[in-house]
Amino acid sequence: MTEAHTEARTEVFTEPYEVIVVGGGAAGLSAGLVLGRARRRTLVVDAGEPRNTPSAHMQGYLTRDGMSPAEFLALGRAETARYGVEYVRDRAVDVTRDGADGDFTVELASGTAVRARRLIVTTGLKDELPPVPGLAARFGRDVLHCPYCHGWEVRDRAFGVLATSPLSVHQALIVSQWSKDVTLFLHTVDEAELSDQDLRRLAAAGVAVVAGEVAEVLVEEDRLTGVRLADGSAHEREVLFTAPRALPQTGLLERLGAELNETPFGAYPVVDPTGLTSVPGVWAAGNAMGFAEQVVNAAAGGYRAAATLNGELLMADLDASLGV
């Protein structure tokens, strides 16, 4: 199978893979690496839309700190290929199962159908930014969401935090560790929604609080210079943090009837410590199972899911040979 499909076709592989990994980011490739080394016939299906695409570099991953996300994924694909793992650039659009414990059939956007005994879903999530003019164009550059990912690179600059909910108080307090010049713009959040403890903590951290809706992001010479409020007032800032709305990509899991858990950051599958969902034979890893999975966490989750799956598949085959 090639890395890209140029035209749709209907093709069903009669011989199933042992495992299909849906998603070719850190979690999916890590799972593929483990499965390939375990000699499992594995296919990684990747739509090619990693969450960290807007970022020029990724940080906090030991030995890979500062590497570009694109280079990281290219190396991951090369490593998995050494162990016979197949990779296809395509989108999984549907999934069904033959009975309660049969094979899974994954339908791809190209018209291809692929089958497997087990699934690992690493479809991640999408970030939906507040609809403020100019914000999206700066995302990953000087509009940021994670201080652990980017705080060191922008340390000691003039920070703004664009509130999206009262939980943005926590974000403002956290980023104050990287700069002592922080302003929390309440935007659409009413100051009355902040607790007394919130206000005391903000004051203790030296975070200024500005009420009023942010109307636009100000940019000069390809750099963020501040924000303008709806009342016309402008506030100089060099970096703007905000918390995007998380949109978990759980469509495949929902089609299989996986149980989901509602959180303040979206609905994610209920999983055990290995990533096993409520659907037997289906694991989830990376941002497909939680909002706060950084690249290093996602890779670890993919490894853990794959190792657990491999052991489960081995025991199932042994039991079947014994007639259990």
C-alpha atoms as a PDB file:
ATOM      1  CA  MET A   1       0.000   0.000   0.000  1.00  0.00           C
ATOM      2  CA  THR A   2       1.327   3.427  -0.873  1.00  0.00           C
ATOM      3  CA  GLU A   3       1.616   6.476   1.382  1.00  0.00           C
ATOM      4  CA  ALA A   4      -0.905   8.484  -0.639  1.00  0.00           C
ATOM      5  CA  HIS A   5      -4.046   7.609  -2.580  1.00  0.00           C
ATOM      6  CA  THR A   6      -4.798   9.758  -5.628  1.00  0.00           C
ATOM      7  CA  GLU A   7      -8.173   8.274  -6.501  1.00  0.00           C
ATOM      8  CA  ALA A   8     -10.910   6.361  -4.699  1.00  0.00           C
ATOM      9  CA  ARG A   9     -11.259   2.645  -5.152  1.00  0.00           C
ATOM     10  CA  THR A  10     -13.176  -0.118  -3.445  1.00  0.00           C
ATOM     11  CA  GLU A  11     -10.863  -2.837  -2.280  1.00  0.00           C
ATOM     12  CA  VAL A  12     -11.262  -5.286   0.573  1.00  0.00           C
ATOM     13  CA  PHE A  13      -8.229  -7.106   1.932  1.00  0.00           C
ATOM     14  CA  THR A  14      -9.367 -10.673   2.547  1.00  0.00           C
ATOM     15  CA  GLU A  15      -6.438 -11.400   4.860  1.00  0.00           C
ATOM     16  CA  PRO A  16      -6.790  -9.173   7.933  1.00  0.00           C
ATOM     17  CA  TYR A  17      -3.994  -7.409   9.678  1.00  0.00           C
ATOM     18  CA  GLU A  18      -3.419  -8.405  13.237  1.00  0.00           C
ATOM     19  CA  VAL A  19      -3.647  -4.768  14.328  1.00  0.00           C
ATOM     20  CA  ILE A  20      -4.757  -1.536  12.706  1.00  0.00           C
ATOM     21  CA  VAL A  21      -3.551   1.664  14.354  1.00  0.00           C
ATOM     22  CA  VAL A  22      -5.751   4.606  13.394  1.00  0.00           C
ATOM     23  CA  GLY A  23      -3.681   7.767  13.675  1.00  0.00           C
ATOM     24  CA  GLY A  24      -0.039   8.305  12.771  1.00  0.00           C
ATOM     25  CA  GLY A  25       1.109  10.772  15.426  1.00  0.00           C
ATOM     26  CA  ALA A  26       3.379  10.074  18.373  1.00  0.00           C
ATOM     27  CA  ALA A  27       0.963   7.624  19.990  1.00  0.00           C
ATOM     28  CA  GLY A  28       0.165   5.736  16.799  1.00  0.00           C
ATOM     29  CA  LEU A  29       3.744   5.423  15.598  1.00  0.00           C
ATOM     30  CA  SER A  30       4.943   4.387  19.038  1.00  0.00           C
ATOM     31  CA  ALA A  31       2.296   1.665  19.072  1.00  0.00           C
ATOM     32  CA  GLY A  32       3.323   0.629  15.579  1.00  0.00           C
ATOM     33  CA  LEU A  33       6.974   0.401  16.594  1.00  0.00           C
ATOM     34  CA  VAL A  34       6.193  -1.907  19.514  1.00  0.00           C
ATOM     35  CA  LEU A  35       3.887  -4.083  17.418  1.00  0.00           C
ATOM     36  CA  GLY A  36       6.356  -4.310  14.551  1.00  0.00           C
ATOM     37  CA  ARG A  37       9.121  -5.387  16.900  1.00  0.00           C
ATOM     38  CA  ALA A  38       6.692  -7.973  18.307  1.00  0.00           C
ATOM     39  CA  ARG A  39       6.302  -9.330  14.766  1.00  0.00           C
ATOM     40  CA  ARG A  40       2.648  -8.364  14.472  1.00  0.00           C
ATOM     41  CA  ARG A  41       1.307  -7.608  10.989  1.00  0.00           C
ATOM     42  CA  THR A  42       0.329  -4.002  11.556  1.00  0.00           C
ATOM     43  CA  LEU A  43      -1.097  -1.142   9.505  1.00  0.00           C
ATOM     44  CA  VAL A  44      -0.934   2.513  10.546  1.00  0.00           C
ATOM     45  CA  VAL A  45      -3.641   4.664   8.953  1.00  0.00           C
ATOM     46  CA  ASP A  46      -2.773   8.349   9.099  1.00  0.00           C
ATOM     47  CA  ALA A  47      -4.908  11.275   7.942  1.00  0.00           C
ATOM     48  CA  GLY A  48      -1.846  13.531   8.211  1.00  0.00           C
ATOM     49  CA  GLU A  49      -3.349  16.147  10.549  1.00  0.00           C
ATOM     50  CA  PRO A  50      -1.231  16.155  13.738  1.00  0.00           C
ATOM     51  CA  ARG A  51      -2.405  18.521  16.454  1.00  0.00           C
ATOM     52  CA  ASN A  52       0.994  20.219  16.801  1.00  0.00           C
ATOM     53  CA  THR A  53       1.314  21.182  13.125  1.00  0.00           C
ATOM     54  CA  PRO A  54       1.225  24.945  13.891  1.00  0.00           C
ATOM     55  CA  SER A  55       4.308  24.619  16.127  1.00  0.00           C
ATOM     56  CA  ALA A  56       7.748  24.984  14.595  1.00  0.00           C
ATOM     57  CA  HIS A  57       9.314  22.914  17.377  1.00  0.00           C
ATOM     58  CA  MET A  58       8.289  20.530  20.122  1.00  0.00           C
ATOM     59  CA  GLN A  59       9.749  20.768  23.591  1.00  0.00           C
ATOM     60  CA  GLY A  60       9.964  18.648  26.720  1.00  0.00           C
ATOM     61  CA  TYR A  61      10.674  15.324  24.989  1.00  0.00           C
ATOM     62  CA  LEU A  62      13.982  14.013  26.259  1.00  0.00           C
ATOM     63  CA  THR A  63      16.597  13.836  23.442  1.00  0.00           C
ATOM     64  CA  ARG A  64      14.087  15.366  21.003  1.00  0.00           C
ATOM     65  CA  ASP A  65      13.729  18.795  22.605  1.00  0.00           C
ATOM     66  CA  GLY A  66      13.513  21.450  19.882  1.00  0.00           C
ATOM     67  CA  MET A  67      12.896  19.021  17.009  1.00  0.00           C
ATOM     68  CA  SER A  68      10.245  19.982  14.488  1.00  0.00           C
ATOM     69  CA  PRO A  69       7.048  17.884  14.658  1.00  0.00           C
ATOM     70  CA  ALA A  70       7.370  17.023  10.971  1.00  0.00           C
ATOM     71  CA  GLU A  71      10.909  15.670  11.398  1.00  0.00           C
ATOM     72  CA  PHE A  72       9.864  13.699  14.479  1.00  0.00           C
ATOM     73  CA  LEU A  73       7.038  11.984  12.592  1.00  0.00           C
ATOM     74  CA  ALA A  74       9.216  11.288   9.546  1.00  0.00           C
ATOM     75  CA  LEU A  75      11.762   9.559  11.769  1.00  0.00           C
ATOM     76  CA  GLY A  76       8.967   7.593  13.442  1.00  0.00           C
ATOM     77  CA  ARG A  77       7.620   6.361  10.109  1.00  0.00           C
ATOM     78  CA  ALA A  78      11.113   5.294   9.031  1.00  0.00           C
ATOM     79  CA  GLU A  79      11.693   3.426  12.285  1.00  0.00           C
ATOM     80  CA  THR A  80       8.395   1.520  12.148  1.00  0.00           C
ATOM     81  CA  ALA A  81       8.984   0.612   8.498  1.00  0.00           C
ATOM     82  CA  ARG A  82      12.195  -1.185   9.489  1.00  0.00           C
ATOM     83  CA  TYR A  83      10.048  -3.715  11.337  1.00  0.00           C
ATOM     84  CA  GLY A  84       7.581  -4.299   8.520  1.00  0.00           C
ATOM     85  CA  VAL A  85       4.842  -1.981   9.757  1.00  0.00           C
ATOM     86  CA  GLU A  86       2.782  -0.705   6.832  1.00  0.00           C
ATOM     87  CA  TYR A  87       1.717   2.930   6.616  1.00  0.00           C
ATOM     88  CA  VAL A  88      -1.018   4.527   4.525  1.00  0.00           C
ATOM     89  CA  ARG A  89      -1.918   8.203   4.230  1.00  0.00           C
ATOM     90  CA  ASP A  90      -5.697   8.022   4.330  1.00  0.00           C
ATOM     91  CA  ARG A  91      -8.610   8.810   6.625  1.00  0.00           C
ATOM     92  CA  ALA A  92     -10.591   6.192   8.527  1.00  0.00           C
ATOM     93  CA  VAL A  93     -14.241   7.169   8.070  1.00  0.00           C
ATOM     94  CA  ASP A  94     -16.101   4.200   9.508  1.00  0.00           C
ATOM     95  CA  VAL A  95     -15.580   0.989  11.439  1.00  0.00           C
ATOM     96  CA  THR A  96     -17.708  -2.099  12.008  1.00  0.00           C
ATOM     97  CA  ARG A  97     -17.196  -5.425  13.711  1.00  0.00           C
ATOM     98  CA  ASP A  98     -18.142  -8.951  12.738  1.00  0.00           C
ATOM     99  CA  GLY A  99     -20.157  -9.926  15.803  1.00  0.00           C
ATOM    100  CA  ALA A 100     -19.233  -9.366  19.420  1.00  0.00           C
ATOM    101  CA  ASP A 101     -15.664 -10.650  19.112  1.00  0.00           C
ATOM    102  CA  GLY A 102     -14.945 -10.827  15.387  1.00  0.00           C
ATOM    103  CA  ASP A 103     -12.629  -8.839  13.154  1.00  0.00           C
ATOM    104  CA  PHE A 104     -12.918  -5.092  12.706  1.00  0.00           C
ATOM    105  CA  THR A 105     -13.415  -3.589   9.254  1.00  0.00           C
ATOM    106  CA  VAL A 106     -12.143  -0.040   8.828  1.00  0.00           C
ATOM    107  CA  GLU A 107     -13.452   1.943   5.855  1.00  0.00           C
ATOM    108  CA  LEU A 108     -11.046   4.523   4.439  1.00  0.00           C
ATOM    109  CA  ALA A 109     -11.876   7.727   2.593  1.00  0.00           C
ATOM    110  CA  SER A 110     -10.148   6.360  -0.519  1.00  0.00           C
ATOM    111  CA  GLY A 111     -12.729   3.577  -0.768  1.00  0.00           C
ATOM    112  CA  THR A 112     -10.424   0.924   0.657  1.00  0.00           C
ATOM    113  CA  ALA A 113     -11.612  -1.427   3.399  1.00  0.00           C
ATOM    114  CA  VAL A 114      -9.039  -2.987   5.732  1.00  0.00           C
ATOM    115  CA  ARG A 115      -9.599  -5.588   8.421  1.00  0.00           C
ATOM    116  CA  ALA A 116      -7.861  -6.412  11.680  1.00  0.00           C
ATOM    117  CA  ARG A 117      -8.269  -8.481  14.806  1.00  0.00           C
ATOM    118  CA  ARG A 118      -7.527  -5.552  17.117  1.00  0.00           C
ATOM    119  CA  LEU A 119      -7.602  -1.751  16.946  1.00  0.00           C
ATOM    120  CA  ILE A 120      -5.637   1.064  18.559  1.00  0.00           C
ATOM    121  CA  VAL A 121      -7.307   4.439  18.078  1.00  0.00           C
ATOM    122  CA  THR A 122      -4.976   7.450  18.267  1.00  0.00           C
ATOM    123  CA  THR A 123      -7.075   9.988  16.358  1.00  0.00           C
ATOM    124  CA  GLY A 124      -6.303  12.800  18.798  1.00  0.00           C
ATOM    125  CA  LEU A 125      -8.255  16.036  18.985  1.00  0.00           C
ATOM    126  CA  LYS A 126      -8.633  19.348  17.212  1.00  0.00           C
ATOM    127  CA  ASP A 127      -8.197  22.773  18.795  1.00  0.00           C
ATOM    128  CA  GLU A 128     -10.968  25.301  18.201  1.00  0.00           C
ATOM    129  CA  LEU A 129      -9.694  28.797  18.960  1.00  0.00           C
ATOM    130  CA  PRO A 130     -11.864  31.676  20.202  1.00  0.00           C
ATOM    131  CA  PRO A 131     -13.258  33.616  17.207  1.00  0.00           C
ATOM    132  CA  VAL A 132     -11.098  36.695  17.702  1.00  0.00           C
ATOM    133  CA  PRO A 133      -9.831  38.316  14.485  1.00  0.00           C
ATOM    134  CA  GLY A 134      -6.115  37.719  13.986  1.00  0.00           C
ATOM    135  CA  LEU A 135      -5.839  34.998  16.634  1.00  0.00           C
ATOM    136  CA  ALA A 136      -5.709  31.871  14.465  1.00  0.00           C
ATOM    137  CA  ALA A 137      -3.014  33.270  12.160  1.00  0.00           C
ATOM    138  CA  ARG A 138      -0.621  33.612  15.113  1.00  0.00           C
ATOM    139  CA  PHE A 139      -1.368  30.241  16.743  1.00  0.00           C
ATOM    140  CA  GLY A 140       1.801  28.282  17.448  1.00  0.00           C
ATOM    141  CA  ARG A 141       3.951  31.404  17.055  1.00  0.00           C
ATOM    142  CA  ASP A 142       3.081  34.085  19.617  1.00  0.00           C
ATOM    143  CA  VAL A 143      -0.456  32.883  20.354  1.00  0.00           C
ATOM    144  CA  LEU A 144       0.113  29.810  22.511  1.00  0.00           C
ATOM    145  CA  HIS A 145      -1.802  27.404  24.720  1.00  0.00           C
ATOM    146  CA  CYS A 146       0.766  25.418  26.709  1.00  0.00           C
ATOM    147  CA  PRO A 147       3.521  27.008  28.825  1.00  0.00           C
ATOM    148  CA  TYR A 148       5.233  23.644  29.240  1.00  0.00           C
ATOM    149  CA  CYS A 149       5.513  23.462  25.443  1.00  0.00           C
ATOM    150  CA  HIS A 150       6.495  27.074  24.777  1.00  0.00           C
ATOM    151  CA  GLY A 151       7.040  28.954  28.045  1.00  0.00           C
ATOM    152  CA  TRP A 152      10.834  28.785  28.032  1.00  0.00           C
ATOM    153  CA  GLU A 153      11.054  30.184  24.504  1.00  0.00           C
ATOM    154  CA  VAL A 154       8.955  33.275  25.384  1.00  0.00           C
ATOM    155  CA  ARG A 155      10.097  33.730  28.988  1.00  0.00           C
ATOM    156  CA  ASP A 156      10.146  37.207  30.526  1.00  0.00           C
ATOM    157  CA  ARG A 157       8.083  38.781  27.761  1.00  0.00           C
ATOM    158  CA  ALA A 158       4.821  40.662  28.260  1.00  0.00           C
ATOM    159  CA  PHE A 159       2.162  37.944  28.455  1.00  0.00           C
ATOM    160  CA  GLY A 160      -1.540  38.198  27.904  1.00  0.00           C
ATOM    161  CA  VAL A 161      -4.015  35.441  28.711  1.00  0.00           C
ATOM    162  CA  LEU A 162      -7.274  35.434  26.752  1.00  0.00           C
ATOM    163  CA  ALA A 163      -9.909  33.903  28.994  1.00  0.00           C
ATOM    164  CA  THR A 164     -12.295  31.358  27.552  1.00  0.00           C
ATOM    165  CA  SER A 165     -13.841  30.329  30.878  1.00  0.00           C
ATOM    166  CA  PRO A 166     -13.233  30.857  34.607  1.00  0.00           C
ATOM    167  CA  LEU A 167     -10.670  28.004  34.291  1.00  0.00           C
ATOM    168  CA  SER A 168      -8.436  30.504  32.465  1.00  0.00           C
ATOM    169  CA  VAL A 169      -7.484  31.844  35.898  1.00  0.00           C
ATOM    170  CA  HIS A 170      -5.462  28.674  36.363  1.00  0.00           C
ATOM    171  CA  GLN A 171      -3.720  29.229  33.024  1.00  0.00           C
ATOM    172  CA  ALA A 172      -2.842  32.808  33.991  1.00  0.00           C
ATOM    173  CA  LEU A 173      -1.402  31.653  37.309  1.00  0.00           C
ATOM    174  CA  ILE A 174       0.651  28.906  35.662  1.00  0.00           C
ATOM    175  CA  VAL A 175       2.168  31.156  32.983  1.00  0.00           C
ATOM    176  CA  SER A 176       3.199  33.661  35.656  1.00  0.00           C
ATOM    177  CA  GLN A 177       6.035  31.235  36.389  1.00  0.00           C
ATOM    178  CA  TRP A 178       7.603  32.226  33.044  1.00  0.00           C
ATOM    179  CA  SER A 179       6.963  35.982  33.221  1.00  0.00           C
ATOM    180  CA  LYS A 180       6.199  38.507  35.919  1.00  0.00           C
ATOM    181  CA  ASP A 181       4.329  40.702  33.410  1.00  0.00           C
ATOM    182  CA  VAL A 182       1.016  38.916  32.922  1.00  0.00           C
ATOM    183  CA  THR A 183      -2.406  40.360  32.130  1.00  0.00           C
ATOM    184  CA  LEU A 184      -5.569  38.265  32.193  1.00  0.00           C
ATOM    185  CA  PHE A 185      -8.101  39.565  29.662  1.00  0.00           C
ATOM    186  CA  LEU A 186     -11.484  38.334  30.845  1.00  0.00           C
ATOM    187  CA  HIS A 187     -12.943  38.655  27.335  1.00  0.00           C
ATOM    188  CA  THR A 188     -16.403  37.018  27.553  1.00  0.00           C
ATOM    189  CA  VAL A 189     -15.984  35.906  31.187  1.00  0.00           C
ATOM    190  CA  ASP A 190     -17.793  38.033  33.772  1.00  0.00           C
ATOM    191  CA  GLU A 191     -15.573  39.067  36.678  1.00  0.00           C
ATOM    192  CA  ALA A 192     -18.365  37.885  38.984  1.00  0.00           C
ATOM    193  CA  GLU A 193     -17.595  34.325  37.832  1.00  0.00           C
ATOM    194  CA  LEU A 194     -14.184  34.522  39.521  1.00  0.00           C
ATOM    195  CA  SER A 195     -14.076  33.366  43.130  1.00  0.00           C
ATOM    196  CA  ASP A 196     -12.521  35.350  45.959  1.00  0.00           C
ATOM    197  CA  GLN A 197      -9.717  32.785  46.053  1.00  0.00           C
ATOM    198  CA  ASP A 198      -9.140  33.305  42.304  1.00  0.00           C
ATOM    199  CA  LEU A 199      -8.783  37.047  42.805  1.00  0.00           C
ATOM    200  CA  ARG A 200      -6.478  36.642  45.797  1.00  0.00           C
ATOM    201  CA  ARG A 201      -4.224  34.237  43.909  1.00  0.00           C
ATOM    202  CA  LEU A 202      -4.090  36.493  40.863  1.00  0.00           C
ATOM    203  CA  ALA A 203      -3.117  39.421  43.055  1.00  0.00           C
ATOM    204  CA  ALA A 204      -0.475  37.354  44.853  1.00  0.00           C
ATOM    205  CA  ALA A 205       1.013  36.310  41.495  1.00  0.00           C
ATOM    206  CA  GLY A 206       1.010  39.886  40.250  1.00  0.00           C
ATOM    207  CA  VAL A 207      -1.412  39.131  37.417  1.00  0.00           C
ATOM    208  CA  ALA A 208      -3.383  42.155  36.233  1.00  0.00           C
ATOM    209  CA  VAL A 209      -7.050  41.576  35.377  1.00  0.00           C
ATOM    210  CA  VAL A 210      -8.722  43.495  32.546  1.00  0.00           C
ATOM    211  CA  ALA A 211     -12.468  43.223  31.968  1.00  0.00           C
ATOM    212  CA  GLY A 212     -14.020  43.664  28.544  1.00  0.00           C
ATOM    213  CA  GLU A 213     -14.233  41.697  25.324  1.00  0.00           C
ATOM    214  CA  VAL A 214     -11.142  41.419  23.135  1.00  0.00           C
ATOM    215  CA  ALA A 215     -12.068  42.594  19.630  1.00  0.00           C
ATOM    216  CA  GLU A 216      -8.841  41.833  17.769  1.00  0.00           C
ATOM    217  CA  VAL A 217      -5.207  40.807  17.994  1.00  0.00           C
ATOM    218  CA  LEU A 218      -2.760  43.529  16.993  1.00  0.00           C
ATOM    219  CA  VAL A 219       0.160  42.598  14.740  1.00  0.00           C
ATOM    220  CA  GLU A 220       2.989  44.722  13.357  1.00  0.00           C
ATOM    221  CA  GLU A 221       5.849  43.514  11.170  1.00  0.00           C
ATOM    222  CA  ASP A 222       4.799  39.894  11.610  1.00  0.00           C
ATOM    223  CA  ARG A 223       4.813  39.962  15.404  1.00  0.00           C
ATOM    224  CA  LEU A 224       2.068  40.241  17.972  1.00  0.00           C
ATOM    225  CA  THR A 225       2.072  43.649  19.651  1.00  0.00           C
ATOM    226  CA  GLY A 226      -1.076  43.550  21.750  1.00  0.00           C
ATOM    227  CA  VAL A 227      -4.857  43.322  21.770  1.00  0.00           C
ATOM    228  CA  ARG A 228      -7.625  45.825  21.221  1.00  0.00           C
ATOM    229  CA  LEU A 229     -10.776  45.659  23.303  1.00  0.00           C
ATOM    230  CA  ALA A 230     -14.286  46.307  22.071  1.00  0.00           C
ATOM    231  CA  ASP A 231     -14.220  49.689  23.821  1.00  0.00           C
ATOM    232  CA  GLY A 232     -11.314  50.712  21.581  1.00  0.00           C
ATOM    233  CA  SER A 233      -8.580  50.565  24.199  1.00  0.00           C
ATOM    234  CA  ALA A 234      -5.307  48.881  23.199  1.00  0.00           C
ATOM    235  CA  HIS A 235      -3.056  46.880  25.514  1.00  0.00           C
ATOM    236  CA  GLU A 236       0.521  46.109  24.545  1.00  0.00           C
ATOM    237  CA  ARG A 237       1.485  42.442  24.827  1.00  0.00           C
ATOM    238  CA  GLU A 238       4.129  40.297  23.147  1.00  0.00           C
ATOM    239  CA  VAL A 239       2.651  36.848  23.736  1.00  0.00           C
ATOM    240  CA  LEU A 240      -0.950  35.740  24.146  1.00  0.00           C
ATOM    241  CA  PHE A 241      -1.926  32.486  25.823  1.00  0.00           C
ATOM    242  CA  THR A 242      -5.390  31.023  25.456  1.00  0.00           C
ATOM    243  CA  ALA A 243      -7.129  27.687  25.979  1.00  0.00           C
ATOM    244  CA  PRO A 244      -8.659  26.363  22.745  1.00  0.00           C
ATOM    245  CA  ARG A 245     -11.852  24.374  22.908  1.00  0.00           C
ATOM    246  CA  ALA A 246     -10.885  20.717  22.576  1.00  0.00           C
ATOM    247  CA  LEU A 247     -12.777  18.677  19.998  1.00  0.00           C
ATOM    248  CA  PRO A 248     -11.947  14.987  20.620  1.00  0.00           C
ATOM    249  CA  GLN A 249     -11.979  12.916  17.443  1.00  0.00           C
ATOM    250  CA  THR A 250     -13.952  10.021  18.903  1.00  0.00           C
ATOM    251  CA  GLY A 251     -16.203   9.209  15.944  1.00  0.00           C
ATOM    252  CA  LEU A 252     -14.792   5.712  15.366  1.00  0.00           C
ATOM    253  CA  LEU A 253     -14.997   4.841  19.035  1.00  0.00           C
ATOM    254  CA  GLU A 254     -18.588   6.044  19.205  1.00  0.00           C
ATOM    255  CA  ARG A 255     -19.507   3.903  16.195  1.00  0.00           C
ATOM    256  CA  LEU A 256     -18.235   0.874  18.098  1.00  0.00           C
ATOM    257  CA  GLY A 257     -20.293   1.833  21.161  1.00  0.00           C
ATOM    258  CA  ALA A 258     -17.390   2.830  23.392  1.00  0.00           C
ATOM    259  CA  GLU A 259     -18.390   4.406  26.685  1.00  0.00           C
ATOM    260  CA  LEU A 260     -17.417   8.071  26.926  1.00  0.00           C
ATOM    261  CA  ASN A 261     -16.760  10.243  29.952  1.00  0.00           C
ATOM    262  CA  GLU A 262     -17.782  13.925  29.860  1.00  0.00           C
ATOM    263  CA  THR A 263     -15.069  16.292  31.106  1.00  0.00           C
ATOM    264  CA  PRO A 264     -14.657  20.084  31.051  1.00  0.00           C
ATOM    265  CA  PHE A 265     -12.426  19.512  28.006  1.00  0.00           C
ATOM    266  CA  GLY A 266     -14.723  17.269  25.988  1.00  0.00           C
ATOM    267  CA  ALA A 267     -15.922  13.663  26.011  1.00  0.00           C
ATOM    268  CA  TYR A 268     -13.197  10.999  26.055  1.00  0.00           C
ATOM    269  CA  PRO A 269     -13.406   7.198  26.133  1.00  0.00           C
ATOM    270  CA  VAL A 270     -13.456   5.427  29.444  1.00  0.00           C
ATOM    271  CA  VAL A 271     -10.215   3.433  29.520  1.00  0.00           C
ATOM    272  CA  ASP A 272      -8.279   1.238  31.912  1.00  0.00           C
ATOM    273  CA  PRO A 273      -4.639   2.053  32.810  1.00  0.00           C
ATOM    274  CA  THR A 274      -3.436   0.439  29.558  1.00  0.00           C
ATOM    275  CA  GLY A 275      -5.812   2.394  27.325  1.00  0.00           C
ATOM    276  CA  LEU A 276      -8.295  -0.462  26.825  1.00  0.00           C
ATOM    277  CA  THR A 277     -11.735   0.985  26.104  1.00  0.00           C
ATOM    278  CA  SER A 278     -15.085  -0.494  27.074  1.00  0.00           C
ATOM    279  CA  VAL A 279     -15.073  -2.272  23.686  1.00  0.00           C
ATOM    280  CA  PRO A 280     -13.061  -5.508  23.896  1.00  0.00           C
ATOM    281  CA  GLY A 281     -10.148  -5.455  21.477  1.00  0.00           C
ATOM    282  CA  VAL A 282     -10.049  -1.665  21.138  1.00  0.00           C
ATOM    283  CA  TRP A 283      -7.444   0.551  22.803  1.00  0.00           C
ATOM    284  CA  ALA A 284      -7.085   4.333  22.752  1.00  0.00           C
ATOM    285  CA  ALA A 285      -3.917   6.375  23.257  1.00  0.00           C
ATOM    286  CA  GLY A 286      -2.679   9.944  23.069  1.00  0.00           C
ATOM    287  CA  ASN A 287      -5.147  12.806  22.851  1.00  0.00           C
ATOM    288  CA  ALA A 288      -7.805  10.317  21.766  1.00  0.00           C
ATOM    289  CA  MET A 289      -8.070   9.428  25.450  1.00  0.00           C
ATOM    290  CA  GLY A 290      -7.392  12.757  27.146  1.00  0.00           C
ATOM    291  CA  PHE A 291      -6.844  16.474  26.655  1.00  0.00           C
ATOM    292  CA  ALA A 292      -3.482  16.866  28.399  1.00  0.00           C
ATOM    293  CA  GLU A 293      -1.433  14.159  26.672  1.00  0.00           C
ATOM    294  CA  GLN A 294       1.790  15.843  25.538  1.00  0.00           C
ATOM    295  CA  VAL A 295       3.922  14.241  22.809  1.00  0.00           C
ATOM    296  CA  VAL A 296       6.032  12.316  25.299  1.00  0.00           C
ATOM    297  CA  ASN A 297       2.923  11.099  27.147  1.00  0.00           C
ATOM    298  CA  ALA A 298       1.254  10.125  23.884  1.00  0.00           C
ATOM    299  CA  ALA A 299       4.272   8.070  22.827  1.00  0.00           C
ATOM    300  CA  ALA A 300       4.302   6.319  26.193  1.00  0.00           C
ATOM    301  CA  GLY A 301       0.566   5.636  25.950  1.00  0.00           C
ATOM    302  CA  GLY A 302       0.950   4.118  22.504  1.00  0.00           C
ATOM    303  CA  TYR A 303       3.771   1.901  23.756  1.00  0.00           C
ATOM    304  CA  ARG A 304       1.728   0.742  26.752  1.00  0.00           C
ATOM    305  CA  ALA A 305      -1.385   0.001  24.679  1.00  0.00           C
ATOM    306  CA  ALA A 306       0.576  -1.945  22.077  1.00  0.00           C
ATOM    307  CA  ALA A 307       2.459  -4.046  24.622  1.00  0.00           C
ATOM    308  CA  THR A 308      -0.767  -4.883  26.440  1.00  0.00           C
ATOM    309  CA  LEU A 309      -2.570  -5.697  23.198  1.00  0.00           C
ATOM    310  CA  ASN A 310       0.253  -7.975  22.065  1.00  0.00           C
ATOM    311  CA  GLY A 311       0.109  -9.960  25.304  1.00  0.00           C
ATOM    312  CA  GLU A 312      -3.683 -10.229  25.137  1.00  0.00           C
ATOM    313  CA  LEU A 313      -3.556 -11.437  21.540  1.00  0.00           C
ATOM    314  CA  LEU A 314      -0.896 -14.030  22.389  1.00  0.00           C
ATOM    315  CA  MET A 315      -2.951 -15.456  25.272  1.00  0.00           C
ATOM    316  CA  ALA A 316      -6.101 -15.505  23.151  1.00  0.00           C
ATOM    317  CA  ASP A 317      -4.335 -17.534  20.458  1.00  0.00           C
ATOM    318  CA  LEU A 318      -2.851 -19.942  22.990  1.00  0.00           C
ATOM    319  CA  ASP A 319      -6.232 -20.461  24.621  1.00  0.00           C
ATOM    320  CA  ALA A 320      -7.818 -21.035  21.214  1.00  0.00           C
ATOM    321  CA  SER A 321      -5.209 -23.706  20.406  1.00  0.00           C
ATOM    322  CA  LEU A 322      -6.094 -25.423  23.669  1.00  0.00           C
ATOM    323  CA  GLY A 323      -9.796 -25.275  22.887  1.00  0.00           C
ATOM    324  CA  VAL A 324     -10.469 -22.968  25.846  1.00  0.00           C
END
